[in-house]
Amino acid sequence: MFMTHIDFVARHPGVPRMLISELQRPGKTLAKKMVQTLLRRYRERLHGLLEAGKARGELDATLDVDAGAVLYIGVIQGLVLQSLLASKVGQIRRDAPAVFAIYRRGIGATQ
């Protein structure tokens, strides 16, 4: 799921650019509402996946799944912004696997 999101951004770099531009507008725009809904649903999906991982013993039993979902989204957002700022959209594909590996170790079950 992580790399699918990364691949989408790498193939469509204009999407985050447009969203970032739109989010700078004052007030409650339709685009902001759409992004808020999208992020809320994504967090809910991640929450369920993280809970399931805890139940299977794949993730740390004490994992705060709300924080885990926020961090997951934040990792992707950080990679997107860095690649856009560097004007090297392909950089996101290069950096993502190592960054995700660190995230995964942080939430993984302790042996």
Protein backbone atom coordinates (compact mmCIF):
# COMPACT_ATOMS: atom_id res chain seq x y z
CA MET A 1 0.00 0.00 0.00
CA PHE A 2 2.84 2.39 0.87
CA MET A 3 4.70 1.93 -2.40
CA THR A 4 1.44 2.12 -4.36
CA HIS A 5 0.88 5.57 -2.91
CA ILE A 6 4.49 6.55 -3.68
CA ASP A 7 4.20 5.27 -7.26
CA PHE A 8 1.01 7.29 -7.79
CA VAL A 9 2.73 10.48 -6.67
CA ALA A 10 5.76 9.75 -8.85
CA ARG A 11 3.53 9.17 -11.88
CA HIS A 12 1.29 12.18 -11.15
CA PRO A 13 3.44 14.89 -9.50
CA GLY A 14 0.92 17.54 -10.48
CA VAL A 15 -1.65 16.16 -8.03
CA PRO A 16 0.25 17.08 -4.84
CA ARG A 17 1.30 20.39 -6.41
CA MET A 18 -2.34 21.30 -7.07
CA LEU A 19 -3.40 20.17 -3.60
CA ILE A 20 -0.67 22.15 -1.88
CA SER A 21 -1.61 25.21 -3.92
CA GLU A 22 -5.30 24.82 -3.14
CA LEU A 23 -4.70 24.25 0.58
CA GLN A 24 -3.06 27.68 0.81
CA ARG A 25 -6.34 29.40 -0.06
CA PRO A 26 -8.14 30.95 2.90
CA GLY A 27 -11.48 29.60 4.00
CA LYS A 28 -13.24 26.29 3.60
CA THR A 29 -12.95 25.41 -0.07
CA LEU A 30 -14.43 22.34 -1.72
CA ALA A 31 -10.91 21.04 -2.37
CA LYS A 32 -10.01 21.34 1.33
CA LYS A 33 -13.15 19.45 2.29
CA MET A 34 -12.34 16.74 -0.22
CA VAL A 35 -8.77 16.38 1.07
CA GLN A 36 -9.98 16.30 4.67
CA THR A 37 -12.46 13.55 3.82
CA LEU A 38 -9.82 11.61 1.91
CA LEU A 39 -7.34 11.83 4.79
CA ARG A 40 -9.98 10.90 7.37
CA ARG A 41 -10.94 7.79 5.40
CA TYR A 42 -7.30 6.90 4.82
CA ARG A 43 -6.59 7.20 8.56
CA GLU A 44 -9.60 5.00 9.30
CA ARG A 45 -8.35 2.36 6.86
CA LEU A 46 -4.85 2.52 8.33
CA HIS A 47 -6.30 2.29 11.84
CA GLY A 48 -8.05 -0.96 10.91
CA LEU A 49 -4.95 -2.40 9.26
CA LEU A 50 -2.77 -1.50 12.24
CA GLU A 51 -5.29 -3.02 14.69
CA ALA A 52 -5.34 -6.20 12.61
CA GLY A 53 -1.55 -6.32 12.63
CA LYS A 54 -1.54 -5.99 16.41
CA ALA A 55 -4.12 -8.78 16.73
CA ARG A 56 -1.93 -11.09 14.59
CA GLY A 57 1.14 -10.26 16.67
CA GLU A 58 2.88 -8.64 13.70
CA LEU A 59 2.98 -5.21 15.33
CA ASP A 60 3.93 -4.02 18.79
CA ALA A 61 1.09 -4.85 21.19
CA THR A 62 1.36 -1.38 22.76
CA LEU A 63 1.26 0.46 19.42
CA ASP A 64 -0.88 3.59 19.48
CA VAL A 65 -2.69 2.95 16.20
CA ASP A 66 -3.91 6.54 15.91
CA ALA A 67 -0.35 7.83 16.13
CA GLY A 68 0.82 5.06 13.80
CA ALA A 69 -1.68 6.13 11.15
CA VAL A 70 -0.75 9.80 11.50
CA LEU A 71 2.95 8.97 11.21
CA TYR A 72 2.37 6.77 8.15
CA ILE A 73 0.60 9.61 6.35
CA GLY A 74 3.21 12.09 7.55
CA VAL A 75 6.02 9.94 6.15
CA ILE A 76 4.39 9.96 2.73
CA GLN A 77 3.72 13.71 2.91
CA GLY A 78 7.32 14.35 3.89
CA LEU A 79 8.66 12.31 1.00
CA VAL A 80 6.32 14.09 -1.41
CA LEU A 81 7.32 17.56 -0.24
CA GLN A 82 11.03 16.79 -0.29
CA SER A 83 10.87 15.38 -3.82
CA LEU A 84 8.86 18.38 -5.05
CA LEU A 85 11.18 20.89 -3.37
CA ALA A 86 14.21 19.20 -4.91
CA SER A 87 12.46 19.10 -8.30
CA LYS A 88 13.38 15.43 -8.42
CA VAL A 89 10.12 13.52 -8.41
CA GLY A 90 11.95 10.25 -9.06
CA GLN A 91 13.75 10.73 -5.74
CA ILE A 92 10.60 9.64 -3.92
CA ARG A 93 10.85 6.12 -5.36
CA ARG A 94 14.50 5.93 -4.35
CA ASP A 95 13.98 7.11 -0.77
CA ALA A 96 10.65 5.45 0.05
CA PRO A 97 11.77 1.84 0.68
CA ALA A 98 14.40 2.77 3.28
CA VAL A 99 12.08 5.26 4.97
CA PHE A 100 9.28 2.69 5.12
CA ALA A 101 11.67 0.11 6.56
CA ILE A 102 12.43 2.46 9.45
CA TYR A 103 8.70 3.09 10.00
CA ARG A 104 8.03 -0.65 9.95
CA ARG A 105 10.77 -1.36 12.49
CA GLY A 106 9.32 1.31 14.74
CA ILE A 107 5.86 -0.29 14.85
CA GLY A 108 6.93 -3.92 14.59
CA ALA A 109 6.49 -6.53 17.27
CA THR A 110 9.43 -6.90 19.61
CA GLN A 111 10.99 -10.34 19.66
